[in-house]
Structure formats: structure tokens, C-alpha cells
N, C-alpha and C. Protein backbone atom coordinates (compact mmCIF):
# COMPACT_ATOMS: atom_id res chain seq x y z
N MET A 1 -17.31 -2.35 -18.26
CA MET A 1 -17.26 -0.91 -18.26
C MET A 1 -17.68 -0.36 -16.90
N ARG A 2 -18.75 -0.95 -16.33
CA ARG A 2 -19.23 -0.48 -15.03
C ARG A 2 -18.16 -0.69 -13.96
N PHE A 3 -17.44 -1.80 -14.03
CA PHE A 3 -16.37 -2.10 -13.07
C PHE A 3 -15.27 -1.04 -13.15
N ARG A 4 -14.94 -0.61 -14.38
CA ARG A 4 -13.90 0.42 -14.55
C ARG A 4 -14.34 1.74 -13.91
N LEU A 5 -15.58 2.11 -14.09
CA LEU A 5 -16.07 3.35 -13.50
C LEU A 5 -16.04 3.27 -11.98
N GLN A 6 -16.41 2.11 -11.43
CA GLN A 6 -16.36 1.94 -9.98
C GLN A 6 -14.92 2.02 -9.48
N LEU A 7 -14.01 1.44 -10.22
CA LEU A 7 -12.59 1.46 -9.85
C LEU A 7 -12.05 2.90 -9.88
N ILE A 8 -12.40 3.64 -10.91
CA ILE A 8 -11.95 5.03 -11.02
C ILE A 8 -12.54 5.85 -9.88
N ALA A 9 -13.83 5.67 -9.60
CA ALA A 9 -14.47 6.41 -8.51
C ALA A 9 -13.84 6.07 -7.17
N ALA A 10 -13.56 4.80 -6.93
CA ALA A 10 -12.94 4.39 -5.67
C ALA A 10 -11.55 4.99 -5.53
N THR A 11 -10.80 5.05 -6.62
CA THR A 11 -9.46 5.63 -6.59
C THR A 11 -9.53 7.12 -6.28
N CYS A 12 -10.46 7.82 -6.91
CA CYS A 12 -10.61 9.26 -6.66
C CYS A 12 -10.99 9.53 -5.21
N PHE A 13 -11.94 8.76 -4.68
CA PHE A 13 -12.33 8.95 -3.28
C PHE A 13 -11.16 8.63 -2.35
N GLY A 14 -10.39 7.63 -2.71
CA GLY A 14 -9.23 7.26 -1.90
C GLY A 14 -8.20 8.38 -1.87
N LEU A 15 -7.99 9.04 -3.00
CA LEU A 15 -7.02 10.14 -3.05
C LEU A 15 -7.50 11.32 -2.22
N VAL A 16 -8.78 11.61 -2.26
CA VAL A 16 -9.32 12.69 -1.45
C VAL A 16 -9.15 12.38 0.03
N GLY A 17 -9.35 11.14 0.39
CA GLY A 17 -9.20 10.73 1.79
C GLY A 17 -7.78 10.82 2.28
N CYS A 18 -6.81 10.84 1.36
CA CYS A 18 -5.39 10.91 1.73
C CYS A 18 -4.85 12.31 1.54
N SER A 19 -5.69 13.31 1.59
CA SER A 19 -5.20 14.67 1.36
C SER A 19 -4.20 15.06 2.44
N ASN A 20 -3.28 15.91 2.06
CA ASN A 20 -2.21 16.34 2.94
C ASN A 20 -2.71 17.46 3.85
N THR A 21 -2.86 17.17 5.12
CA THR A 21 -3.29 18.20 6.06
C THR A 21 -2.10 18.60 6.91
N GLU A 22 -1.99 19.89 7.16
CA GLU A 22 -0.87 20.39 7.94
C GLU A 22 -1.07 20.10 9.42
N ASP A 23 0.03 19.81 10.09
CA ASP A 23 0.00 19.65 11.53
C ASP A 23 -0.14 21.05 12.12
N PRO A 24 -1.13 21.30 12.93
CA PRO A 24 -1.34 22.65 13.46
C PRO A 24 -0.33 23.04 14.54
N ARG A 25 0.63 22.18 14.85
CA ARG A 25 1.63 22.47 15.87
C ARG A 25 3.02 22.53 15.25
N VAL A 26 3.84 23.44 15.76
CA VAL A 26 5.20 23.63 15.27
C VAL A 26 6.14 23.77 16.45
N PHE A 27 7.44 23.75 16.19
CA PHE A 27 8.44 23.93 17.23
C PHE A 27 9.06 25.32 17.10
N VAL A 28 9.23 25.96 18.26
CA VAL A 28 9.86 27.28 18.33
C VAL A 28 10.92 27.24 19.44
N PRO A 29 11.90 28.16 19.38
CA PRO A 29 12.88 28.20 20.46
C PRO A 29 12.21 28.43 21.82
N GLY A 30 12.63 27.64 22.81
CA GLY A 30 12.07 27.74 24.15
C GLY A 30 12.88 28.66 25.04
N PRO A 31 12.49 28.78 26.31
CA PRO A 31 13.23 29.63 27.25
C PRO A 31 14.69 29.18 27.37
N GLY A 32 15.61 30.12 27.32
CA GLY A 32 17.02 29.80 27.42
C GLY A 32 17.61 29.20 26.16
N TYR A 33 16.92 29.35 25.03
CA TYR A 33 17.36 28.76 23.76
C TYR A 33 18.75 29.25 23.36
N THR A 34 19.57 28.32 22.86
CA THR A 34 20.85 28.66 22.25
C THR A 34 21.07 27.79 21.02
N CYS A 35 21.84 28.31 20.10
CA CYS A 35 22.28 27.55 18.93
C CYS A 35 23.77 27.83 18.80
N GLU A 36 24.57 26.77 18.84
CA GLU A 36 26.02 26.93 18.79
C GLU A 36 26.62 26.05 17.70
N VAL A 37 27.63 26.58 17.04
CA VAL A 37 28.36 25.85 16.02
C VAL A 37 29.80 25.73 16.49
N LYS A 38 30.35 24.52 16.41
CA LYS A 38 31.76 24.29 16.73
C LYS A 38 32.43 23.73 15.49
N ILE A 39 33.55 24.33 15.11
CA ILE A 39 34.30 23.83 13.96
C ILE A 39 35.64 23.28 14.43
N SER A 40 36.18 22.37 13.64
CA SER A 40 37.51 21.85 13.95
C SER A 40 38.30 21.66 12.66
N LEU A 41 39.57 21.95 12.75
CA LEU A 41 40.50 21.80 11.66
C LEU A 41 41.89 21.78 12.27
N PRO A 42 42.89 21.32 11.53
CA PRO A 42 44.24 21.30 12.11
C PRO A 42 44.76 22.72 12.33
N HIS A 43 45.73 22.84 13.23
CA HIS A 43 46.31 24.17 13.50
C HIS A 43 47.38 24.53 12.48
N GLU A 44 47.91 23.50 11.80
CA GLU A 44 48.93 23.72 10.78
C GLU A 44 48.69 22.80 9.60
N ALA A 45 49.14 23.26 8.41
CA ALA A 45 49.04 22.44 7.20
C ALA A 45 50.02 23.01 6.18
N LYS A 46 50.12 22.31 5.04
CA LYS A 46 51.01 22.73 3.96
C LYS A 46 50.20 23.38 2.85
N ALA A 47 50.79 24.38 2.22
CA ALA A 47 50.15 25.01 1.07
C ALA A 47 49.90 23.96 0.00
N GLY A 48 48.75 24.01 -0.61
CA GLY A 48 48.41 23.10 -1.70
C GLY A 48 47.77 21.79 -1.28
N GLU A 49 47.68 21.50 0.03
CA GLU A 49 47.04 20.25 0.45
C GLU A 49 45.60 20.51 0.91
N TRP A 50 44.73 19.55 0.63
CA TRP A 50 43.34 19.67 1.04
C TRP A 50 43.21 19.39 2.53
N ILE A 51 42.44 20.21 3.20
CA ILE A 51 42.24 20.11 4.65
C ILE A 51 40.76 19.86 4.91
N ASP A 52 40.46 18.84 5.71
CA ASP A 52 39.07 18.55 6.06
C ASP A 52 38.55 19.59 7.04
N LEU A 53 37.36 20.10 6.75
CA LEU A 53 36.65 20.98 7.68
C LEU A 53 35.57 20.15 8.36
N LYS A 54 35.46 20.26 9.67
CA LYS A 54 34.46 19.52 10.44
C LYS A 54 33.66 20.52 11.27
N ALA A 55 32.39 20.19 11.50
CA ALA A 55 31.54 21.06 12.31
C ALA A 55 30.44 20.26 12.98
N SER A 56 30.04 20.74 14.15
CA SER A 56 28.88 20.19 14.86
C SER A 56 28.01 21.36 15.29
N ARG A 57 26.75 21.05 15.57
CA ARG A 57 25.80 22.10 15.95
C ARG A 57 24.93 21.59 17.08
N THR A 58 24.70 22.44 18.07
CA THR A 58 23.75 22.14 19.14
C THR A 58 22.69 23.24 19.14
N SER A 59 21.45 22.83 19.43
CA SER A 59 20.39 23.83 19.53
C SER A 59 19.33 23.33 20.50
N GLY A 60 18.70 24.28 21.16
CA GLY A 60 17.61 23.93 22.07
C GLY A 60 17.62 24.81 23.30
N PRO A 61 16.63 24.67 24.11
CA PRO A 61 15.49 23.77 23.98
C PRO A 61 14.45 24.31 22.99
N TRP A 62 13.66 23.39 22.47
CA TRP A 62 12.55 23.70 21.58
C TRP A 62 11.25 23.38 22.30
N VAL A 63 10.23 24.15 22.03
CA VAL A 63 8.91 23.86 22.59
C VAL A 63 7.91 23.79 21.45
N GLN A 64 6.92 22.94 21.63
CA GLN A 64 5.88 22.78 20.61
C GLN A 64 4.71 23.67 20.96
N VAL A 65 4.25 24.44 19.98
CA VAL A 65 3.13 25.36 20.19
C VAL A 65 2.18 25.27 18.99
N ALA A 66 1.00 25.80 19.18
CA ALA A 66 0.05 25.89 18.07
C ALA A 66 0.60 26.87 17.04
N LYS A 67 0.46 26.52 15.78
CA LYS A 67 0.97 27.37 14.71
C LYS A 67 0.41 28.79 14.81
N SER A 68 -0.83 28.89 15.22
CA SER A 68 -1.47 30.21 15.33
C SER A 68 -0.88 31.06 16.47
N ASP A 69 -0.13 30.43 17.40
CA ASP A 69 0.46 31.16 18.53
C ASP A 69 1.88 31.67 18.26
N VAL A 70 2.42 31.37 17.08
CA VAL A 70 3.79 31.80 16.77
C VAL A 70 3.80 33.30 16.49
N GLU A 71 4.64 34.00 17.25
CA GLU A 71 4.74 35.44 17.07
C GLU A 71 5.51 35.77 15.80
N LYS A 72 5.20 36.91 15.22
CA LYS A 72 5.85 37.36 13.99
C LYS A 72 7.37 37.47 14.24
N GLY A 73 8.14 36.94 13.29
CA GLY A 73 9.60 37.02 13.38
C GLY A 73 10.25 35.87 14.14
N VAL A 74 9.44 34.97 14.75
CA VAL A 74 9.98 33.83 15.49
C VAL A 74 10.14 32.66 14.53
N ARG A 75 11.29 32.02 14.59
CA ARG A 75 11.55 30.86 13.72
C ARG A 75 10.70 29.68 14.17
N ALA A 76 9.86 29.17 13.30
CA ALA A 76 9.02 28.00 13.60
C ALA A 76 9.33 26.92 12.57
N ILE A 77 9.51 25.69 13.05
CA ILE A 77 9.80 24.57 12.16
C ILE A 77 8.88 23.40 12.49
N SER A 78 8.63 22.57 11.50
CA SER A 78 7.65 21.49 11.68
C SER A 78 8.20 20.30 12.46
N LYS A 79 9.50 20.08 12.41
CA LYS A 79 10.09 18.93 13.09
C LYS A 79 11.19 19.41 14.03
N GLU A 80 11.17 18.93 15.26
CA GLU A 80 12.17 19.34 16.24
C GLU A 80 13.55 18.84 15.84
N PRO A 81 14.54 19.75 15.75
CA PRO A 81 15.90 19.31 15.43
C PRO A 81 16.49 18.53 16.59
N PRO A 82 17.41 17.62 16.31
CA PRO A 82 18.08 16.92 17.40
C PRO A 82 18.91 17.92 18.21
N PRO A 83 19.10 17.68 19.51
CA PRO A 83 19.86 18.63 20.33
C PRO A 83 21.32 18.74 19.89
N VAL A 84 21.90 17.66 19.36
CA VAL A 84 23.29 17.68 18.89
C VAL A 84 23.32 17.08 17.49
N GLU A 85 23.96 17.78 16.58
CA GLU A 85 24.13 17.30 15.21
C GLU A 85 25.61 17.30 14.87
N GLU A 86 26.13 16.14 14.50
CA GLU A 86 27.52 16.02 14.09
C GLU A 86 27.60 16.15 12.57
N ASN A 87 28.78 16.46 12.06
CA ASN A 87 29.05 16.50 10.62
C ASN A 87 28.09 17.41 9.86
N VAL A 88 27.96 18.64 10.32
CA VAL A 88 27.09 19.61 9.64
C VAL A 88 27.89 20.58 8.77
N GLN A 89 29.16 20.26 8.50
CA GLN A 89 30.02 21.16 7.74
C GLN A 89 29.44 21.51 6.37
N ALA A 90 28.67 20.64 5.77
CA ALA A 90 28.06 20.93 4.47
C ALA A 90 26.90 21.91 4.60
N ASN A 91 26.41 22.13 5.82
CA ASN A 91 25.30 23.05 6.05
C ASN A 91 25.75 24.45 6.45
N LEU A 92 27.05 24.68 6.43
CA LEU A 92 27.57 25.98 6.87
C LEU A 92 28.06 26.80 5.69
N SER A 93 28.05 28.11 5.87
CA SER A 93 28.81 28.96 4.97
C SER A 93 30.11 29.26 5.70
N TRP A 94 31.20 29.18 4.99
CA TRP A 94 32.53 29.30 5.60
C TRP A 94 33.14 30.64 5.25
N ASP A 95 33.78 31.28 6.23
CA ASP A 95 34.43 32.57 6.03
C ASP A 95 35.92 32.39 6.31
N ILE A 96 36.75 32.82 5.37
CA ILE A 96 38.19 32.71 5.51
C ILE A 96 38.79 34.09 5.37
N ASP A 97 39.65 34.44 6.33
CA ASP A 97 40.27 35.76 6.35
C ASP A 97 41.78 35.60 6.43
N PRO A 98 42.57 36.23 5.61
CA PRO A 98 42.14 37.12 4.53
C PRO A 98 41.58 36.33 3.34
N PRO A 99 40.65 36.95 2.64
CA PRO A 99 40.03 36.27 1.50
C PRO A 99 40.96 36.21 0.29
N GLY A 100 40.63 35.32 -0.62
CA GLY A 100 41.34 35.26 -1.89
C GLY A 100 42.55 34.34 -1.92
N HIS A 101 42.86 33.66 -0.82
CA HIS A 101 44.03 32.79 -0.78
C HIS A 101 43.67 31.32 -0.60
N ALA A 102 42.40 31.02 -0.58
CA ALA A 102 41.97 29.65 -0.33
C ALA A 102 40.98 29.20 -1.41
N GLU A 103 40.92 27.89 -1.58
CA GLU A 103 40.01 27.29 -2.54
C GLU A 103 39.21 26.22 -1.80
N ALA A 104 37.89 26.29 -1.92
CA ALA A 104 37.02 25.29 -1.28
C ALA A 104 36.66 24.23 -2.31
N ASN A 105 36.51 22.99 -1.84
CA ASN A 105 36.10 21.95 -2.78
C ASN A 105 34.64 22.19 -3.17
N VAL A 106 34.37 21.99 -4.42
CA VAL A 106 33.01 22.13 -4.92
C VAL A 106 32.41 20.72 -4.96
N PRO A 107 31.29 20.52 -4.25
CA PRO A 107 30.69 19.18 -4.25
C PRO A 107 30.32 18.74 -5.67
N THR A 108 30.66 17.50 -5.98
CA THR A 108 30.29 16.90 -7.26
C THR A 108 29.39 15.71 -6.97
N MET A 109 28.80 15.15 -7.99
CA MET A 109 27.95 13.98 -7.80
C MET A 109 28.75 12.85 -7.14
N ASP A 110 29.98 12.63 -7.61
CA ASP A 110 30.81 11.56 -7.04
C ASP A 110 31.18 11.84 -5.59
N SER A 111 31.58 13.08 -5.28
CA SER A 111 32.00 13.39 -3.91
C SER A 111 30.82 13.33 -2.94
N VAL A 112 29.65 13.76 -3.38
CA VAL A 112 28.47 13.73 -2.52
C VAL A 112 28.02 12.30 -2.28
N GLN A 113 28.13 11.45 -3.30
CA GLN A 113 27.78 10.04 -3.10
C GLN A 113 28.77 9.37 -2.15
N ALA A 114 30.05 9.75 -2.24
CA ALA A 114 31.07 9.15 -1.37
C ALA A 114 30.90 9.62 0.07
N ASP A 115 30.67 10.93 0.27
CA ASP A 115 30.50 11.49 1.61
C ASP A 115 29.73 12.81 1.48
N PRO A 116 28.42 12.79 1.67
CA PRO A 116 27.62 13.99 1.45
C PRO A 116 27.96 15.16 2.37
N SER A 117 28.58 14.89 3.50
CA SER A 117 28.87 15.98 4.44
C SER A 117 30.28 16.54 4.31
N ALA A 118 31.12 15.96 3.47
CA ALA A 118 32.53 16.37 3.38
C ALA A 118 32.69 17.78 2.81
N ARG A 119 33.53 18.55 3.46
CA ARG A 119 33.94 19.86 2.97
C ARG A 119 35.42 20.01 3.24
N LYS A 120 36.14 20.56 2.24
CA LYS A 120 37.58 20.72 2.34
C LYS A 120 37.98 22.10 1.87
N VAL A 121 39.16 22.52 2.31
CA VAL A 121 39.72 23.79 1.87
C VAL A 121 41.20 23.59 1.58
N LYS A 122 41.71 24.36 0.63
CA LYS A 122 43.13 24.30 0.27
C LYS A 122 43.64 25.73 0.19
N PHE A 123 44.78 25.98 0.83
CA PHE A 123 45.39 27.31 0.81
C PHE A 123 46.52 27.31 -0.21
N ASN A 124 46.55 28.33 -1.03
CA ASN A 124 47.52 28.40 -2.11
C ASN A 124 48.86 29.01 -1.68
N GLU A 125 48.85 29.77 -0.59
CA GLU A 125 50.06 30.46 -0.15
C GLU A 125 50.27 30.26 1.34
N PRO A 126 51.54 30.22 1.76
CA PRO A 126 51.81 30.18 3.21
C PRO A 126 51.25 31.43 3.88
N GLY A 127 50.92 31.30 5.16
CA GLY A 127 50.40 32.43 5.92
C GLY A 127 49.58 31.95 7.10
N VAL A 128 49.02 32.91 7.81
CA VAL A 128 48.14 32.61 8.93
C VAL A 128 46.74 33.05 8.52
N TYR A 129 45.80 32.13 8.63
CA TYR A 129 44.43 32.37 8.19
C TYR A 129 43.44 32.13 9.32
N LYS A 130 42.35 32.85 9.27
CA LYS A 130 41.27 32.69 10.25
C LYS A 130 40.05 32.13 9.53
N ILE A 131 39.42 31.14 10.17
CA ILE A 131 38.26 30.48 9.57
C ILE A 131 37.13 30.43 10.58
N SER A 132 35.91 30.70 10.10
CA SER A 132 34.71 30.52 10.92
C SER A 132 33.60 29.98 10.03
N GLY A 133 32.58 29.42 10.66
CA GLY A 133 31.44 28.88 9.93
C GLY A 133 30.14 29.43 10.48
N THR A 134 29.19 29.67 9.60
CA THR A 134 27.89 30.21 10.00
C THR A 134 26.78 29.29 9.51
N THR A 135 25.82 29.05 10.38
CA THR A 135 24.64 28.26 10.02
C THR A 135 23.42 29.17 10.02
N SER A 136 22.46 28.84 9.19
CA SER A 136 21.18 29.57 9.18
C SER A 136 20.06 28.71 9.72
N PHE A 137 20.33 27.42 9.89
CA PHE A 137 19.29 26.50 10.37
C PHE A 137 19.81 25.76 11.58
N PRO A 138 19.07 25.58 12.61
CA PRO A 138 17.67 25.99 12.72
C PRO A 138 17.50 27.49 12.98
N THR A 139 18.53 28.11 13.54
CA THR A 139 18.56 29.57 13.66
C THR A 139 19.98 30.00 13.35
N LYS A 140 20.19 31.26 13.09
CA LYS A 140 21.52 31.74 12.71
C LYS A 140 22.48 31.67 13.90
N ALA A 141 23.68 31.16 13.62
CA ALA A 141 24.73 31.10 14.63
C ALA A 141 26.07 31.02 13.91
N THR A 142 27.09 31.64 14.50
CA THR A 142 28.44 31.63 13.94
C THR A 142 29.39 31.02 14.95
N SER A 143 30.29 30.20 14.44
CA SER A 143 31.28 29.54 15.30
C SER A 143 32.31 30.54 15.80
N SER A 144 33.14 30.08 16.71
CA SER A 144 34.30 30.88 17.08
C SER A 144 35.26 30.87 15.89
N VAL A 145 36.21 31.77 15.92
CA VAL A 145 37.18 31.88 14.83
C VAL A 145 38.38 30.98 15.18
N GLU A 146 38.74 30.10 14.25
CA GLU A 146 39.89 29.22 14.42
C GLU A 146 41.01 29.72 13.52
N THR A 147 42.24 29.55 13.98
CA THR A 147 43.41 29.99 13.23
C THR A 147 44.19 28.79 12.71
N ILE A 148 44.65 28.88 11.47
CA ILE A 148 45.48 27.84 10.88
C ILE A 148 46.72 28.50 10.25
N THR A 149 47.86 27.89 10.49
CA THR A 149 49.10 28.36 9.90
C THR A 149 49.45 27.46 8.73
N ILE A 150 49.66 28.05 7.57
CA ILE A 150 50.00 27.31 6.36
C ILE A 150 51.47 27.53 6.06
N HIS A 151 52.20 26.42 5.93
CA HIS A 151 53.65 26.47 5.63
C HIS A 151 53.88 26.22 4.16
């Protein structure tokens, strides 16, 4: 019985010793900071076929500062993002103009397991459409507008 009490006490002290303490430093946009999104898709496609959407994101420079030094309204994150991120299409919100003529694939368990970053769009009618993508992380940025002609 005494051994069990010692074991329980040791476990409790061990858990207290492993408490989660916050890192007092964070990353914020540095001088000359930019965040850019680039999207790519074919210039032409056929109505009814799925089209792969691709995107990359660049951001930086980031500087590390004390959490207490972050000014109100400045985006602060705990881990510095990589300067270049490929295949971020799943992290974007996509805008298609004119609206109402396209269908986006809805991620399913199977599709996410096969390729977690895949995003596709299908146009139901021929026409000329404009597509752009917007990211909110690490900071808000919108891509240039790309045009696709659907036959």
C-alpha cells in the first residue's frame, strides 16, 4: 500500500513538473513584410471536367519579439512560417466570377487521405471565368485574378 502511495505521489509531482509553459517570444511581420499568393490553373478546359487548382504562398520577413512587445492589431504567431509554401490550395478561399456556374470538390475522408491539399473545380457551362484565391494565414493576401475559358 505504501508503495502505491509513493507511486501516485511521484506521478503527480512528475505531471506538475511537465506543466505547459508558454514561450514568451512570438513572431511578427518584420520590416518590408509581404505575403503573396500565386495560383495556377489551365487557361482552357471543357465544361463538366474537374480542374486542379494549385497555389503557393510566400511570406516574410518575420522577426521574433517578446510577446509583451506585440502592438495591438499586429498578427503574432508562435512558430515562424516557412518563407515559401507549396500546395496551399486547401488553405485558400476561392472566388469565381461570375458566381453560380462552378462546383468545387468537397473534401471527403477518402480524398483527404489520398491528397490532403487537393482542390478541384468544375464548370457546368461554357464561358469565360475569373478565379482568385485568398489566404488568411499567416496574414491576409489575395492572389492575382486568373482567367479560364470553358468550352
